[in-house]
Amino acid sequence: MFGIGQGAAAPVVALSARELGGSVAAAGVVVALLGLGQVLGDLPAGRIEARVGERSAVLLGSAVGLAAAIARWVPRRPSRPRAI
């Protein structure tokens, strides 16, 4: 189901890249890099799943995703201007 959703989102990603000012070639590269990232991520994910089991791998992946989402939304401390 996740793969179907990702495949269905690819045209939206390409159109968004075009809308943000990218060329057709740049939009194609963005979509290609998404696929490449998925392939490269599937290899270590498969090894982890084989080692710890499917349920544990899903829980681990969910925990990592949740931690990344929380880290993204935690406000950063603003940097102070440096004195000259």
N, C-alpha and C. Protein backbone atom coordinates (compact mmCIF):
# COMPACT_ATOMS: atom_id res chain seq x y z
N MET A 1 0.82 -1.18 0.00
CA MET A 1 0.00 0.00 0.00
C MET A 1 0.88 1.26 0.00
N PHE A 2 1.96 1.21 0.76
CA PHE A 2 2.84 2.38 0.82
C PHE A 2 3.44 2.65 -0.55
N GLY A 3 3.86 1.59 -1.24
CA GLY A 3 4.44 1.75 -2.58
C GLY A 3 3.44 2.31 -3.57
N ILE A 4 2.19 1.88 -3.48
CA ILE A 4 1.16 2.41 -4.36
C ILE A 4 0.96 3.90 -4.10
N GLY A 5 0.95 4.28 -2.84
CA GLY A 5 0.81 5.70 -2.50
C GLY A 5 1.97 6.54 -2.99
N GLN A 6 3.18 5.99 -2.87
CA GLN A 6 4.35 6.72 -3.37
C GLN A 6 4.31 6.87 -4.88
N GLY A 7 3.91 5.81 -5.56
CA GLY A 7 3.81 5.88 -7.02
C GLY A 7 2.76 6.87 -7.47
N ALA A 8 1.66 6.92 -6.73
CA ALA A 8 0.59 7.86 -7.08
C ALA A 8 1.01 9.30 -6.82
N ALA A 9 1.93 9.51 -5.88
CA ALA A 9 2.38 10.87 -5.54
C ALA A 9 3.45 11.39 -6.50
N ALA A 10 4.07 10.53 -7.27
CA ALA A 10 5.17 10.96 -8.16
C ALA A 10 4.75 12.06 -9.12
N PRO A 11 3.59 11.98 -9.77
CA PRO A 11 3.20 13.09 -10.66
C PRO A 11 2.99 14.41 -9.90
N VAL A 12 2.50 14.31 -8.68
CA VAL A 12 2.29 15.51 -7.87
C VAL A 12 3.64 16.15 -7.53
N VAL A 13 4.62 15.33 -7.22
CA VAL A 13 5.97 15.84 -6.92
C VAL A 13 6.55 16.54 -8.13
N ALA A 14 6.40 15.92 -9.29
CA ALA A 14 6.93 16.53 -10.52
C ALA A 14 6.23 17.85 -10.82
N LEU A 15 4.92 17.90 -10.67
CA LEU A 15 4.19 19.14 -10.92
C LEU A 15 4.56 20.22 -9.90
N SER A 16 4.79 19.82 -8.66
CA SER A 16 5.20 20.78 -7.64
C SER A 16 6.57 21.36 -7.96
N ALA A 17 7.48 20.51 -8.44
CA ALA A 17 8.81 21.00 -8.82
C ALA A 17 8.70 22.01 -9.95
N ARG A 18 7.84 21.74 -10.91
CA ARG A 18 7.62 22.68 -12.03
C ARG A 18 7.01 23.98 -11.54
N GLU A 19 6.06 23.87 -10.62
CA GLU A 19 5.38 25.06 -10.10
C GLU A 19 6.34 25.95 -9.30
N LEU A 20 7.34 25.34 -8.69
CA LEU A 20 8.32 26.10 -7.92
C LEU A 20 9.42 26.68 -8.79
N GLY A 21 9.30 26.52 -10.10
CA GLY A 21 10.25 27.16 -11.01
C GLY A 21 11.27 26.23 -11.61
N GLY A 22 11.20 24.96 -11.35
CA GLY A 22 12.16 24.02 -11.92
C GLY A 22 11.83 23.69 -13.36
N SER A 23 12.84 23.25 -14.09
CA SER A 23 12.63 22.84 -15.47
C SER A 23 12.02 21.45 -15.50
N VAL A 24 11.62 21.01 -16.68
CA VAL A 24 11.08 19.67 -16.83
C VAL A 24 12.15 18.64 -16.46
N ALA A 25 13.39 18.90 -16.85
CA ALA A 25 14.49 17.99 -16.51
C ALA A 25 14.70 17.92 -15.00
N ALA A 26 14.64 19.06 -14.33
CA ALA A 26 14.81 19.08 -12.88
C ALA A 26 13.69 18.31 -12.19
N ALA A 27 12.46 18.47 -12.69
CA ALA A 27 11.34 17.73 -12.12
C ALA A 27 11.54 16.23 -12.29
N GLY A 28 12.05 15.82 -13.44
CA GLY A 28 12.33 14.41 -13.68
C GLY A 28 13.42 13.88 -12.76
N VAL A 29 14.44 14.69 -12.52
CA VAL A 29 15.53 14.28 -11.62
C VAL A 29 15.00 14.11 -10.21
N VAL A 30 14.12 15.01 -9.78
CA VAL A 30 13.55 14.92 -8.43
C VAL A 30 12.79 13.60 -8.28
N VAL A 31 11.96 13.27 -9.24
CA VAL A 31 11.19 12.02 -9.17
C VAL A 31 12.13 10.81 -9.23
N ALA A 32 13.15 10.87 -10.06
CA ALA A 32 14.11 9.76 -10.15
C ALA A 32 14.87 9.58 -8.84
N LEU A 33 15.24 10.67 -8.20
CA LEU A 33 15.95 10.58 -6.93
C LEU A 33 15.08 9.99 -5.84
N LEU A 34 13.77 10.27 -5.90
CA LEU A 34 12.87 9.65 -4.93
C LEU A 34 12.89 8.13 -5.08
N GLY A 35 12.84 7.66 -6.32
CA GLY A 35 12.90 6.22 -6.56
C GLY A 35 14.23 5.62 -6.16
N LEU A 36 15.31 6.31 -6.46
CA LEU A 36 16.63 5.83 -6.08
C LEU A 36 16.77 5.75 -4.57
N GLY A 37 16.28 6.76 -3.87
CA GLY A 37 16.32 6.74 -2.41
C GLY A 37 15.54 5.58 -1.83
N GLN A 38 14.41 5.27 -2.46
CA GLN A 38 13.61 4.14 -1.98
C GLN A 38 14.35 2.83 -2.18
N VAL A 39 14.98 2.64 -3.33
CA VAL A 39 15.73 1.41 -3.60
C VAL A 39 16.90 1.28 -2.63
N LEU A 40 17.63 2.37 -2.43
CA LEU A 40 18.78 2.32 -1.52
C LEU A 40 18.35 2.13 -0.07
N GLY A 41 17.19 2.62 0.29
CA GLY A 41 16.68 2.42 1.65
C GLY A 41 16.12 1.03 1.87
N ASP A 42 15.61 0.41 0.80
CA ASP A 42 15.03 -0.92 0.93
C ASP A 42 16.08 -1.99 1.25
N LEU A 43 17.28 -1.80 0.78
CA LEU A 43 18.31 -2.82 1.01
C LEU A 43 18.66 -2.96 2.50
N PRO A 44 19.02 -1.88 3.20
CA PRO A 44 19.28 -2.05 4.63
C PRO A 44 18.02 -2.38 5.43
N ALA A 45 16.87 -1.88 4.98
CA ALA A 45 15.62 -2.18 5.69
C ALA A 45 15.32 -3.68 5.62
N GLY A 46 15.58 -4.30 4.49
CA GLY A 46 15.38 -5.74 4.36
C GLY A 46 16.30 -6.54 5.27
N ARG A 47 17.53 -6.08 5.40
CA ARG A 47 18.46 -6.78 6.30
C ARG A 47 18.03 -6.63 7.75
N ILE A 48 17.56 -5.43 8.12
CA ILE A 48 17.08 -5.22 9.49
C ILE A 48 15.86 -6.09 9.77
N GLU A 49 14.94 -6.13 8.81
CA GLU A 49 13.73 -6.94 8.97
C GLU A 49 14.07 -8.42 9.11
N ALA A 50 15.03 -8.89 8.34
CA ALA A 50 15.43 -10.29 8.43
C ALA A 50 16.07 -10.60 9.78
N ARG A 51 16.74 -9.62 10.35
CA ARG A 51 17.44 -9.84 11.62
C ARG A 51 16.50 -9.77 12.83
N VAL A 52 15.60 -8.76 12.86
CA VAL A 52 14.80 -8.54 14.07
C VAL A 52 13.35 -8.99 13.92
N GLY A 53 12.90 -9.30 12.73
CA GLY A 53 11.51 -9.71 12.52
C GLY A 53 10.68 -8.56 12.00
N GLU A 54 9.57 -8.93 11.37
CA GLU A 54 8.75 -7.92 10.70
C GLU A 54 8.12 -6.93 11.69
N ARG A 55 7.54 -7.44 12.75
CA ARG A 55 6.86 -6.57 13.73
C ARG A 55 7.84 -5.59 14.37
N SER A 56 8.99 -6.10 14.79
CA SER A 56 9.98 -5.24 15.43
C SER A 56 10.53 -4.20 14.45
N ALA A 57 10.70 -4.59 13.19
CA ALA A 57 11.20 -3.66 12.18
C ALA A 57 10.21 -2.54 11.93
N VAL A 58 8.91 -2.87 11.89
CA VAL A 58 7.89 -1.84 11.70
C VAL A 58 7.87 -0.90 12.90
N LEU A 59 7.95 -1.44 14.10
CA LEU A 59 7.97 -0.59 15.30
C LEU A 59 9.22 0.30 15.33
N LEU A 60 10.36 -0.27 14.96
CA LEU A 60 11.59 0.51 14.92
C LEU A 60 11.50 1.63 13.89
N GLY A 61 11.01 1.30 12.71
CA GLY A 61 10.86 2.32 11.67
C GLY A 61 9.89 3.41 12.07
N SER A 62 8.81 3.04 12.74
CA SER A 62 7.84 4.03 13.20
C SER A 62 8.46 4.93 14.27
N ALA A 63 9.25 4.35 15.16
CA ALA A 63 9.90 5.15 16.20
C ALA A 63 10.90 6.12 15.60
N VAL A 64 11.67 5.67 14.62
CA VAL A 64 12.64 6.56 13.95
C VAL A 64 11.91 7.67 13.22
N GLY A 65 10.82 7.34 12.53
CA GLY A 65 10.04 8.36 11.83
C GLY A 65 9.42 9.37 12.79
N LEU A 66 8.91 8.90 13.91
CA LEU A 66 8.33 9.80 14.91
C LEU A 66 9.40 10.71 15.50
N ALA A 67 10.57 10.15 15.80
CA ALA A 67 11.66 10.98 16.34
C ALA A 67 12.10 12.04 15.33
N ALA A 68 12.15 11.68 14.05
CA ALA A 68 12.52 12.65 13.03
C ALA A 68 11.48 13.74 12.91
N ALA A 69 10.20 13.38 12.98
CA ALA A 69 9.13 14.38 12.89
C ALA A 69 9.16 15.32 14.08
N ILE A 70 9.39 14.78 15.27
CA ILE A 70 9.47 15.63 16.46
C ILE A 70 10.67 16.55 16.37
N ALA A 71 11.81 16.01 15.94
CA ALA A 71 13.02 16.83 15.83
C ALA A 71 12.83 17.95 14.81
N ARG A 72 12.06 17.68 13.79
CA ARG A 72 11.82 18.69 12.76
C ARG A 72 10.97 19.84 13.30
N TRP A 73 10.04 19.55 14.18
CA TRP A 73 9.12 20.57 14.66
C TRP A 73 9.55 21.22 15.97
N VAL A 74 10.59 20.73 16.61
CA VAL A 74 11.10 21.37 17.82
C VAL A 74 11.78 22.68 17.40
N PRO A 75 11.36 23.78 18.00
CA PRO A 75 11.97 25.06 17.60
C PRO A 75 13.45 25.11 17.96
N ARG A 76 14.21 25.67 17.05
CA ARG A 76 15.64 25.83 17.32
C ARG A 76 15.86 27.13 18.07
N ARG A 77 16.91 27.14 18.84
CA ARG A 77 17.26 28.35 19.55
C ARG A 77 17.88 29.33 18.55
N PRO A 78 17.33 30.54 18.46
CA PRO A 78 17.87 31.47 17.47
C PRO A 78 19.31 31.84 17.80
N SER A 79 20.10 31.96 16.75
CA SER A 79 21.49 32.33 16.97
C SER A 79 21.59 33.83 17.21
N ARG A 80 22.54 34.19 18.04
CA ARG A 80 22.73 35.61 18.35
C ARG A 80 23.72 36.22 17.38
N PRO A 81 23.50 37.48 17.04
CA PRO A 81 24.49 38.13 16.16
C PRO A 81 25.83 38.23 16.86
N ARG A 82 26.87 38.03 16.11
CA ARG A 82 28.22 38.10 16.68
C ARG A 82 28.69 39.55 16.74
N ALA A 83 29.36 39.86 17.82
CA ALA A 83 29.93 41.20 17.95
C ALA A 83 31.19 41.29 17.12
N ILE A 84 31.37 42.40 16.49
CA ILE A 84 32.55 42.58 15.63
C ILE A 84 33.70 43.11 16.43
